[in-house]
């Protein structure tokens, strides 16, 4: 080395006197010396500028990476060709690249959906978790506005306040409802943070979502369970206060029927008697949920109960033109259940299936050309953990708007006087009490399938 400047001395933590006339090999990391010599020879031979990175040795034998630029210079006093070596400290650049790599990996592989937008709100980046959550591919999202996923449930004021917050350089956090590509709703807790450049100017926005859809569903189920429990307790009180007067009314009606021969009076008394019976049945269904624990749990043959339930329902007047298909796994073991309650569940679902077929407008036209008005199929099979009972009907189906409500008390889609809206609610409570599940799949005009799942090894 013929000449060095003060900046190189500072970089190598040495002095000008110690570096001058030293071989360049003495400041180059041993494994890089051959490579550097080749770069110098190439520069001298061809007169071309060489650009590369190498490791330099410091006085404590530590290393520091730097970018190097070799360019041919003038001839020295003794006639030798010299080269100019410019060294640029890239440690800070390397650290920034490493930080960027780390951030990129964190952003790309986090399970939380993440998006980055420009200052106008156009999406410039989404991670795979965002694609999975939204149902859209990256190609469909980039360049779009986040309102692509909007559910329309939030007001303009809601979004205006959000924009006012992040435009002021502040972090905004809120709960939002979005729509997936298939139209399903999903809920997230969204945090949006401005991205600032070195001058403090906003150059974009960083948004990270935390999916709380399941959390909201569990909360709604808890509220529903608490509501049903309250109604059950209320029903017990109603049954006590109303049951006794109804019994008295029924007894008086029967006495009056025996003491009169007047046809008109007899007809009206019979009407009163039938309405008293209807009130009694409604109250009895209402309190069934709160009285479950008084029933005896025993080893129960579910297959036998299913067959009996089908036989009970198929003799009804409405079921005369309906085909019943029953396919039950004979190897299903006995389960610890309350037989009367489980049979009540099966009969409730089967009666609803019959009504759905009987009230199906299409089935009326079908009956003209076929002796069958519709079909109900009952299937039961088991896996390692559950017994699955499926009851499918070819009836009119359930509207999408009605599906979330069918297990609520007093909710019915039947005509006034034809249903109490308690059958499925009671059935839901019974199945839940045995740690099972009851599900429904339906489409208007395409029939309905109820699936009852019961654990094979329930500890009651």
Protein backbone atom coordinates (compact mmCIF):
# COMPACT_ATOMS: atom_id res chain seq x y z
CA UNK A 1 0.00 0.00 0.00
CA UNK A 2 1.58 3.28 -1.16
CA UNK A 3 -0.89 5.75 0.34
CA UNK A 4 -3.88 5.53 2.72
CA UNK A 5 -6.31 8.17 3.96
CA UNK A 6 -7.46 8.84 7.51
CA UNK A 7 -10.87 7.25 6.94
CA UNK A 8 -9.22 3.90 6.12
CA UNK A 9 -7.15 4.14 9.28
CA UNK A 10 -10.29 4.70 11.28
CA UNK A 11 -12.05 1.83 9.51
CA UNK A 12 -9.17 -0.60 10.26
CA UNK A 13 -8.60 0.85 13.76
CA UNK A 14 -4.98 1.59 12.91
CA UNK A 15 -2.68 4.55 12.04
CA UNK A 16 -1.33 5.88 8.76
CA UNK A 17 2.23 5.07 9.77
CA UNK A 18 1.45 1.44 10.49
CA UNK A 19 -0.49 0.91 7.27
CA UNK A 20 1.79 2.69 4.77
CA UNK A 21 4.04 0.31 2.81
CA UNK A 22 2.24 -2.73 4.30
CA UNK A 23 1.12 -5.56 2.05
CA UNK A 24 -2.59 -5.58 1.41
CA UNK A 25 -2.58 -9.23 2.47
CA UNK A 26 -1.95 -8.08 6.03
CA UNK A 27 -5.33 -6.34 6.23
CA UNK A 28 -7.33 -8.97 4.31
CA UNK A 29 -8.91 -12.01 5.95
CA UNK A 30 -6.77 -15.05 5.06
CA UNK A 31 -9.50 -16.93 3.18
CA UNK A 32 -10.11 -13.92 0.91
CA UNK A 33 -6.50 -13.03 0.03
CA UNK A 34 -6.22 -15.12 -3.13
CA UNK A 35 -9.52 -13.75 -4.40
CA UNK A 36 -8.44 -10.13 -3.79
CA UNK A 37 -5.09 -10.69 -5.51
CA UNK A 38 -6.94 -12.05 -8.55
CA UNK A 39 -9.13 -8.91 -8.62
CA UNK A 40 -6.02 -6.65 -8.48
CA UNK A 41 -4.31 -8.57 -11.32
CA UNK A 42 -7.48 -8.38 -13.41
CA UNK A 43 -7.66 -4.63 -12.90
CA UNK A 44 -3.97 -4.15 -13.82
CA UNK A 45 -4.05 -6.45 -16.82
CA UNK A 46 -7.28 -5.30 -18.48
CA UNK A 47 -7.61 -1.81 -17.01
CA UNK A 48 -11.17 -2.59 -15.86
CA UNK A 49 -12.97 -1.54 -12.69
CA UNK A 50 -13.54 -4.44 -10.29
CA UNK A 51 -16.34 -4.42 -7.72
CA UNK A 52 -16.62 -6.97 -4.90
CA UNK A 53 -17.07 -7.52 -1.15
CA UNK A 54 -14.46 -8.96 1.18
CA UNK A 55 -13.57 -9.25 4.87
CA UNK A 56 -10.92 -6.99 6.43
CA UNK A 57 -8.92 -7.74 9.58
CA UNK A 58 -8.97 -5.31 12.50
CA UNK A 59 -6.28 -4.96 15.15
CA UNK A 60 -8.03 -7.36 17.55
CA UNK A 61 -8.30 -10.01 14.79
CA UNK A 62 -12.01 -9.36 14.38
CA UNK A 63 -13.47 -9.02 10.90
CA UNK A 64 -15.45 -6.33 9.12
CA UNK A 65 -17.14 -6.72 5.74
CA UNK A 66 -16.71 -3.91 3.22
CA UNK A 67 -17.50 -3.19 -0.39
CA UNK A 68 -14.47 -2.67 -2.64
CA UNK A 69 -13.99 -0.76 -5.89
CA UNK A 70 -10.69 -1.31 -7.76
CA UNK A 71 -9.86 1.07 -10.61
CA UNK A 72 -6.61 1.44 -12.66
CA UNK A 73 -4.54 4.49 -11.72
CA UNK A 74 -1.49 6.28 -13.11
CA UNK A 75 2.05 4.93 -13.19
CA UNK A 76 4.14 5.46 -10.08
CA UNK A 77 7.54 7.20 -9.95
CA UNK A 78 9.38 3.95 -10.54
CA UNK A 79 7.22 3.11 -13.53
CA UNK A 80 4.87 0.66 -11.88
CA UNK A 81 1.14 0.75 -12.60
CA UNK A 82 -0.92 1.47 -9.48
CA UNK A 83 -4.57 0.82 -8.66
CA UNK A 84 -6.95 2.82 -6.53
CA UNK A 85 -8.86 0.80 -3.90
CA UNK A 86 -11.95 2.51 -2.50
CA UNK A 87 -13.46 0.77 0.51
CA UNK A 88 -17.07 1.34 1.59
CA UNK A 89 -18.27 0.17 5.00
CA UNK A 90 -21.38 -1.98 4.36
CA UNK A 91 -21.93 -3.17 7.93
CA UNK A 92 -24.91 -0.89 8.38
CA UNK A 93 -26.28 -1.91 4.99
CA UNK A 94 -25.81 -5.59 5.88
CA UNK A 95 -27.61 -5.06 9.17
CA UNK A 96 -30.49 -3.35 7.39
CA UNK A 97 -30.66 -6.24 4.91
CA UNK A 98 -30.65 -8.73 7.78
CA UNK A 99 -33.37 -6.80 9.61
CA UNK A 100 -35.39 -6.67 6.40
CA UNK A 101 -34.95 -10.41 5.87
CA UNK A 102 -36.09 -11.10 9.43
CA UNK A 103 -39.11 -8.84 9.07
CA UNK A 104 -39.99 -10.40 5.71
CA UNK A 105 -39.93 -13.89 7.20
CA UNK A 106 -41.94 -12.86 10.25
CA UNK A 107 -44.53 -11.13 8.06
CA UNK A 108 -44.69 -13.92 5.51
CA UNK A 109 -44.97 -16.86 7.89
CA UNK A 110 -47.00 -15.44 10.77
CA UNK A 111 -50.39 -17.08 11.32
CA UNK A 112 -52.02 -13.65 11.57
CA UNK A 113 -53.34 -12.12 8.32
CA UNK A 114 -51.20 -9.13 7.40
CA UNK A 115 -51.51 -6.43 4.73
CA UNK A 116 -49.54 -3.36 3.66
CA UNK A 117 -51.06 -0.49 1.69
CA UNK A 118 -49.75 2.68 0.11
CA UNK A 119 -50.80 6.13 1.35
CA UNK A 120 -53.96 6.00 -0.78
CA UNK A 121 -55.04 2.69 0.73
CA UNK A 122 -54.19 0.42 -2.22
CA UNK A 123 -52.86 -2.97 -1.10
CA UNK A 124 -49.22 -3.60 -2.04
CA UNK A 125 -48.55 -6.74 0.04
CA UNK A 126 -50.47 -9.54 1.77
CA UNK A 127 -49.06 -12.63 3.45
CA UNK A 128 -50.29 -16.23 2.88
CA UNK A 129 -52.37 -16.09 6.09
CA UNK A 130 -54.32 -13.16 4.61
CA UNK A 131 -54.95 -15.10 1.40
CA UNK A 132 -56.21 -18.07 3.42
CA UNK A 133 -58.46 -15.96 5.65
CA UNK A 134 -60.01 -13.94 2.81
CA UNK A 135 -60.27 -16.69 0.22
CA UNK A 136 -58.68 -14.43 -2.41
CA UNK A 137 -55.33 -15.06 -4.07
CA UNK A 138 -52.50 -12.52 -3.87
CA UNK A 139 -52.98 -11.69 -7.54
CA UNK A 140 -56.64 -10.82 -6.92
CA UNK A 141 -55.79 -8.60 -3.93
CA UNK A 142 -52.73 -6.55 -4.93
CA UNK A 143 -53.76 -3.08 -6.08
CA UNK A 144 -57.24 -3.37 -4.58
CA UNK A 145 -58.74 -1.26 -1.80
CA UNK A 146 -59.43 -3.12 1.50
CA UNK A 147 -63.15 -2.38 1.01
CA UNK A 148 -63.02 -5.45 -1.28
CA UNK A 149 -63.55 -7.45 1.93
CA UNK A 150 -66.09 -5.07 3.48
CA UNK A 151 -69.28 -6.51 4.91
CA UNK A 152 -71.17 -3.21 4.77
CA UNK A 153 -71.93 -3.52 8.49
CA UNK A 154 -69.77 -0.56 9.54
CA UNK A 155 -70.89 3.04 9.06
CA UNK A 156 -69.04 5.71 7.07
CA UNK A 157 -68.36 7.46 10.40
CA UNK A 158 -66.57 4.31 11.65
CA UNK A 159 -64.17 4.29 8.69
CA UNK A 160 -63.74 8.09 8.68
CA UNK A 161 -62.52 8.04 12.27
CA UNK A 162 -60.12 5.23 11.39
CA UNK A 163 -58.63 7.24 8.50
CA UNK A 164 -58.38 10.38 10.63
CA UNK A 165 -56.41 8.45 13.25
CA UNK A 166 -53.87 6.77 10.94
CA UNK A 167 -53.50 9.86 8.72
CA UNK A 168 -52.38 11.72 11.84
CA UNK A 169 -49.59 9.16 12.29
CA UNK A 170 -51.33 7.32 15.15
CA UNK A 171 -52.08 3.62 15.61
CA UNK A 172 -55.73 2.57 15.23
CA UNK A 173 -57.27 -0.60 16.67
CA UNK A 174 -60.81 -1.89 16.27
CA UNK A 175 -63.02 -4.90 15.66
CA UNK A 176 -64.22 -5.35 12.09
CA UNK A 177 -66.51 -7.72 10.24
CA UNK A 178 -65.28 -8.77 6.81
CA UNK A 179 -66.52 -11.05 4.03
CA UNK A 180 -64.60 -13.91 2.49
CA UNK A 181 -64.63 -14.47 -1.24
CA UNK A 182 -67.45 -17.02 -0.81
CA UNK A 183 -69.57 -14.48 1.11
CA UNK A 184 -69.02 -15.93 4.61
CA UNK A 185 -68.55 -13.43 7.42
CA UNK A 186 -65.42 -13.46 9.55
CA UNK A 187 -64.44 -11.20 12.42
CA UNK A 188 -61.00 -9.80 13.22
CA UNK A 189 -59.36 -7.47 15.66
CA UNK A 190 -57.50 -5.10 13.34
CA UNK A 191 -54.46 -2.97 14.21
CA UNK A 192 -53.33 -0.40 11.62
CA UNK A 193 -50.03 1.41 12.04
CA UNK A 194 -48.60 4.14 9.75
CA UNK A 195 -45.25 3.42 8.05
CA UNK A 196 -42.91 6.43 8.33
CA UNK A 197 -39.79 7.26 6.32
CA UNK A 198 -36.62 8.79 7.79
CA UNK A 199 -38.19 12.23 7.57
CA UNK A 200 -41.26 11.20 9.52
CA UNK A 201 -43.55 11.26 6.48
CA UNK A 202 -46.23 8.57 6.03
CA UNK A 203 -45.40 6.30 3.09
CA UNK A 204 -47.95 3.56 3.73
CA UNK A 205 -49.92 1.62 6.31
CA UNK A 206 -49.33 -1.72 8.00
CA UNK A 207 -52.40 -3.72 9.09
CA UNK A 208 -52.41 -6.94 11.11
CA UNK A 209 -55.53 -8.97 11.88
CA UNK A 210 -56.33 -11.38 14.72
CA UNK A 211 -59.16 -13.73 13.82
CA UNK A 212 -61.85 -13.69 16.54
CA UNK A 213 -64.59 -15.47 14.58
CA UNK A 214 -64.51 -18.57 16.78
CA UNK A 215 -64.33 -16.43 19.90
CA UNK A 216 -67.49 -14.55 18.87
CA UNK A 217 -69.29 -17.80 18.04
CA UNK A 218 -68.41 -19.25 21.44
CA UNK A 219 -69.64 -16.08 23.10
CA UNK A 220 -72.94 -16.27 21.22
CA UNK A 221 -73.30 -19.96 22.18
CA UNK A 222 -72.68 -19.07 25.83
CA UNK A 223 -75.31 -16.34 25.69
CA UNK A 224 -77.72 -18.76 24.02
CA UNK A 225 -77.04 -21.43 26.66
CA UNK A 226 -77.62 -18.92 29.45
CA UNK A 227 -80.84 -17.79 27.80
CA UNK A 228 -82.06 -21.37 27.50
CA UNK A 229 -81.16 -22.05 31.13
CA UNK A 230 -83.16 -18.99 32.22
CA UNK A 231 -86.14 -20.07 30.13
CA UNK A 232 -85.91 -23.56 31.63
CA UNK A 233 -86.08 -22.14 35.15
CA UNK A 234 -88.94 -19.86 34.14
CA UNK A 235 -90.77 -22.81 32.61
CA UNK A 236 -90.67 -24.74 35.87
CA UNK A 237 -92.41 -21.86 37.62
CA UNK A 238 -94.94 -21.43 34.82
CA UNK A 239 -95.76 -25.14 34.88
CA UNK A 240 -96.49 -24.99 38.59
CA UNK A 241 -98.65 -21.87 38.41
CA UNK A 242 -100.55 -22.79 35.22
CA UNK A 243 -100.65 -26.58 35.44
CA UNK A 244 -102.96 -26.82 38.42
CA UNK A 245 -105.65 -24.42 37.04
CA UNK A 246 -105.55 -26.27 33.70
CA UNK A 247 -106.14 -29.57 35.46
CA UNK A 248 -109.16 -28.07 37.21
CA UNK A 249 -110.53 -26.67 33.94
CA UNK A 250 -110.07 -30.01 32.20
CA UNK A 251 -111.89 -31.84 35.03
CA UNK A 252 -114.82 -29.40 34.96
CA UNK A 253 -115.11 -29.73 31.17
CA UNK A 254 -115.25 -33.53 31.43
CA UNK A 255 -117.96 -33.30 34.15
CA UNK A 256 -120.02 -30.91 32.00
CA UNK A 257 -119.67 -33.22 28.97
CA UNK A 258 -121.17 -36.08 30.97
CA UNK A 259 -124.09 -33.96 32.23
CA UNK A 260 -125.31 -32.52 28.93
CA UNK A 261 -126.82 -33.99 25.79
CA UNK A 262 -126.91 -30.71 23.91
CA UNK A 263 -124.89 -31.19 20.72
CA UNK A 264 -123.81 -27.54 20.46
CA UNK A 265 -122.68 -27.43 24.09
CA UNK A 266 -120.89 -30.75 23.74
CA UNK A 267 -119.06 -29.46 20.63
CA UNK A 268 -117.90 -26.29 22.38
CA UNK A 269 -116.77 -28.21 25.47
CA UNK A 270 -114.77 -30.55 23.24
CA UNK A 271 -113.11 -27.49 21.68
CA UNK A 272 -112.23 -26.17 25.16
CA UNK A 273 -110.85 -29.60 26.10
CA UNK A 274 -108.63 -29.74 23.00
CA UNK A 275 -107.26 -26.25 23.63
CA UNK A 276 -106.53 -27.09 27.28
CA UNK A 277 -104.68 -30.17 26.02
CA UNK A 278 -102.67 -28.02 23.62
CA UNK A 279 -101.66 -25.64 26.44
CA UNK A 280 -100.69 -28.59 28.61
CA UNK A 281 -98.52 -30.09 25.86
CA UNK A 282 -96.80 -26.75 25.27
CA UNK A 283 -95.97 -26.38 28.96
CA UNK A 284 -94.82 -29.99 29.16
CA UNK A 285 -92.46 -29.48 26.22
CA UNK A 286 -91.24 -26.24 27.76
CA UNK A 287 -90.25 -27.85 31.06
CA UNK A 288 -88.73 -30.99 29.55
CA UNK A 289 -85.36 -29.25 29.37
CA UNK A 290 -85.36 -28.31 33.06
CA UNK A 291 -86.53 -31.76 34.21
CA UNK A 292 -83.96 -33.90 32.38
CA UNK A 293 -81.88 -34.75 35.42
CA UNK A 294 -84.77 -36.64 37.05
CA UNK A 295 -84.69 -39.29 34.32
CA UNK A 296 -82.70 -42.49 34.78
CA UNK A 297 -79.53 -42.95 32.74
CA UNK A 298 -79.10 -46.53 31.52
CA UNK A 299 -77.39 -48.58 28.85
CA UNK A 300 -79.47 -47.84 25.74
CA UNK A 301 -79.80 -49.57 22.38
CA UNK A 302 -79.85 -46.57 20.05
CA UNK A 303 -80.43 -48.71 16.95
CA UNK A 304 -83.57 -50.18 18.50
CA UNK A 305 -84.84 -46.72 19.49
CA UNK A 306 -84.28 -45.44 15.94
CA UNK A 307 -86.28 -48.29 14.42
CA UNK A 308 -89.10 -47.81 16.94
CA UNK A 309 -89.15 -44.05 16.30
CA UNK A 310 -89.45 -44.61 12.55
CA UNK A 311 -92.31 -47.09 13.07
CA UNK A 312 -94.16 -44.65 15.34
CA UNK A 313 -93.89 -41.78 12.83
CA UNK A 314 -94.58 -43.76 9.64
CA UNK A 315 -98.09 -44.80 10.78
CA UNK A 316 -99.20 -41.18 10.93
CA UNK A 317 -101.70 -39.86 8.38
CA UNK A 318 -99.19 -37.46 6.75
CA UNK A 319 -96.56 -40.19 6.38
CA UNK A 320 -98.71 -42.56 4.30
CA UNK A 321 -97.17 -41.47 0.98
CA UNK A 322 -93.61 -41.11 2.25
CA UNK A 323 -90.90 -43.72 1.70
CA UNK A 324 -88.69 -44.48 4.69
CA UNK A 325 -85.16 -45.76 4.10
CA UNK A 326 -83.33 -47.09 7.15
CA UNK A 327 -79.65 -48.11 7.15
CA UNK A 328 -78.24 -48.75 10.64
CA UNK A 329 -74.88 -50.23 11.63
CA UNK A 330 -75.65 -53.34 13.65
CA UNK A 331 -72.31 -53.11 15.50
CA UNK A 332 -73.23 -49.87 17.29
CA UNK A 333 -72.69 -50.48 21.03
CA UNK A 334 -75.03 -49.63 23.89
CA UNK A 335 -74.64 -46.08 25.20
CA UNK A 336 -75.33 -44.52 28.59
CA UNK A 337 -78.41 -42.41 27.80
CA UNK A 338 -81.98 -41.74 28.87
CA UNK A 339 -84.03 -43.84 26.38
CA UNK A 340 -87.22 -41.74 26.54
CA UNK A 341 -85.32 -38.53 25.92
CA UNK A 342 -83.31 -39.86 22.97
CA UNK A 343 -86.46 -41.32 21.44
CA UNK A 344 -88.13 -37.94 21.86
CA UNK A 345 -85.28 -36.33 19.88
CA UNK A 346 -85.62 -38.85 17.03
CA UNK A 347 -89.41 -38.49 16.89
CA UNK A 348 -89.20 -34.66 16.92
CA UNK A 349 -86.80 -34.65 13.96
CA UNK A 350 -88.78 -37.30 12.05
CA UNK A 351 -92.09 -35.47 12.54
CA UNK A 352 -90.48 -32.26 11.26
CA UNK A 353 -89.19 -34.22 8.25
CA UNK A 354 -92.70 -35.52 7.51
CA UNK A 355 -94.15 -32.02 7.80
CA UNK A 356 -91.43 -30.62 5.51
CA UNK A 357 -92.31 -33.17 2.81
CA UNK A 358 -96.08 -32.84 3.31
CA UNK A 359 -95.92 -29.04 3.02
CA UNK A 360 -93.57 -29.09 0.03
CA UNK A 361 -95.39 -27.49 -2.96
CA UNK A 362 -93.32 -29.52 -5.42
CA UNK A 363 -94.31 -32.77 -3.70
CA UNK A 364 -97.98 -32.10 -4.51
CA UNK A 365 -97.26 -32.19 -8.25
CA UNK A 366 -94.95 -35.16 -7.79
CA UNK A 367 -97.68 -37.13 -6.04
CA UNK A 368 -99.85 -36.92 -9.15
CA UNK A 369 -97.35 -38.97 -11.16
CA UNK A 370 -95.84 -41.06 -8.35
CA UNK A 371 -97.27 -42.92 -5.37
CA UNK A 372 -94.43 -41.45 -3.28
CA UNK A 373 -94.67 -37.89 -2.00
CA UNK A 374 -91.07 -37.88 -0.79
CA UNK A 375 -88.41 -39.85 1.06
CA UNK A 376 -86.88 -39.87 4.53
CA UNK A 377 -83.57 -41.69 4.99
CA UNK A 378 -82.21 -42.63 8.41
CA UNK A 379 -78.57 -43.70 8.75
CA UNK A 380 -76.41 -44.52 11.74
CA UNK A 381 -72.73 -45.42 11.84
CA UNK A 382 -69.81 -45.08 14.24
CA UNK A 383 -66.15 -44.10 14.14
CA UNK A 384 -63.57 -44.32 16.91
CA UNK A 385 -65.13 -41.58 19.02
CA UNK A 386 -68.71 -40.85 17.93
CA UNK A 387 -72.00 -42.37 16.92
CA UNK A 388 -73.39 -40.40 13.99
CA UNK A 389 -77.14 -40.46 13.26
CA UNK A 390 -78.27 -38.78 10.05
CA UNK A 391 -81.94 -38.05 9.19
CA UNK A 392 -82.46 -36.63 5.71
CA UNK A 393 -85.73 -35.57 4.09
CA UNK A 394 -86.58 -34.49 0.56
CA UNK A 395 -88.88 -31.75 1.82
CA UNK A 396 -89.08 -28.03 1.15
CA UNK A 397 -85.86 -27.23 3.02
CA UNK A 398 -85.12 -24.37 5.38
CA UNK A 399 -84.42 -20.81 4.28
CA UNK A 400 -80.90 -19.58 4.96
CA UNK A 401 -82.24 -16.74 7.12
CA UNK A 402 -84.08 -19.26 9.34
CA UNK A 403 -81.20 -21.73 9.87
CA UNK A 404 -79.45 -19.90 12.76
CA UNK A 405 -82.75 -19.67 14.70
CA UNK A 406 -84.23 -23.16 14.47
CA UNK A 407 -82.90 -24.27 17.87
CA UNK A 408 -84.31 -21.21 19.65
CA UNK A 409 -87.38 -21.70 21.89
CA UNK A 410 -90.76 -20.78 20.36
CA UNK A 411 -89.24 -20.29 16.92
CA UNK A 412 -91.18 -22.14 14.23
CA UNK A 413 -91.73 -21.82 10.49
CA UNK A 414 -94.99 -23.76 10.65
CA UNK A 415 -98.43 -22.19 10.42
CA UNK A 416 -100.10 -20.80 13.51
CA UNK A 417 -101.44 -23.64 15.63
CA UNK A 418 -99.34 -26.33 13.92
CA UNK A 419 -96.15 -26.01 15.95
CA UNK A 420 -94.98 -24.72 19.33
CA UNK A 421 -91.37 -24.05 18.34
CA UNK A 422 -90.16 -26.13 21.28
CA UNK A 423 -89.41 -29.52 19.71
CA UNK A 424 -85.96 -28.72 18.33
CA UNK A 425 -85.07 -26.55 21.31
CA UNK A 426 -85.79 -29.43 23.71
CA UNK A 427 -83.96 -31.84 21.37
CA UNK A 428 -80.94 -29.54 21.32
CA UNK A 429 -80.88 -29.42 25.13
CA UNK A 430 -81.19 -33.19 25.45
CA UNK A 431 -78.30 -33.92 23.06
CA UNK A 432 -76.09 -31.28 24.71
CA UNK A 433 -76.76 -32.83 28.12
CA UNK A 434 -75.13 -36.04 26.87
CA UNK A 435 -72.09 -34.08 25.56
CA UNK A 436 -73.23 -34.55 21.98
CA UNK A 437 -73.93 -32.27 19.05
CA UNK A 438 -76.88 -31.71 16.76
CA UNK A 439 -76.27 -30.09 13.38
CA UNK A 440 -78.43 -29.15 10.42
CA UNK A 441 -77.69 -28.68 6.72
CA UNK A 442 -80.41 -27.43 4.45
CA UNK A 443 -81.18 -25.46 1.32
CA UNK A 444 -84.57 -24.14 0.34
CA UNK A 445 -86.18 -26.55 -2.12
CA UNK A 446 -83.45 -29.18 -1.68
CA UNK A 447 -84.34 -30.93 1.57
CA UNK A 448 -82.81 -31.01 5.05
CA UNK A 449 -80.34 -33.22 6.92
CA UNK A 450 -80.15 -33.35 10.71
CA UNK A 451 -77.05 -35.01 12.17
CA UNK A 452 -76.88 -36.11 15.78
CA UNK A 453 -73.40 -36.90 17.19
CA UNK A 454 -73.14 -38.82 20.45
CA UNK A 455 -69.83 -39.73 22.14
CA UNK A 456 -69.21 -43.48 22.32
CA UNK A 457 -67.42 -43.24 25.66
CA UNK A 458 -69.37 -40.59 27.52
CA UNK A 459 -68.77 -40.32 31.27
CA UNK A 460 -72.09 -39.26 32.75
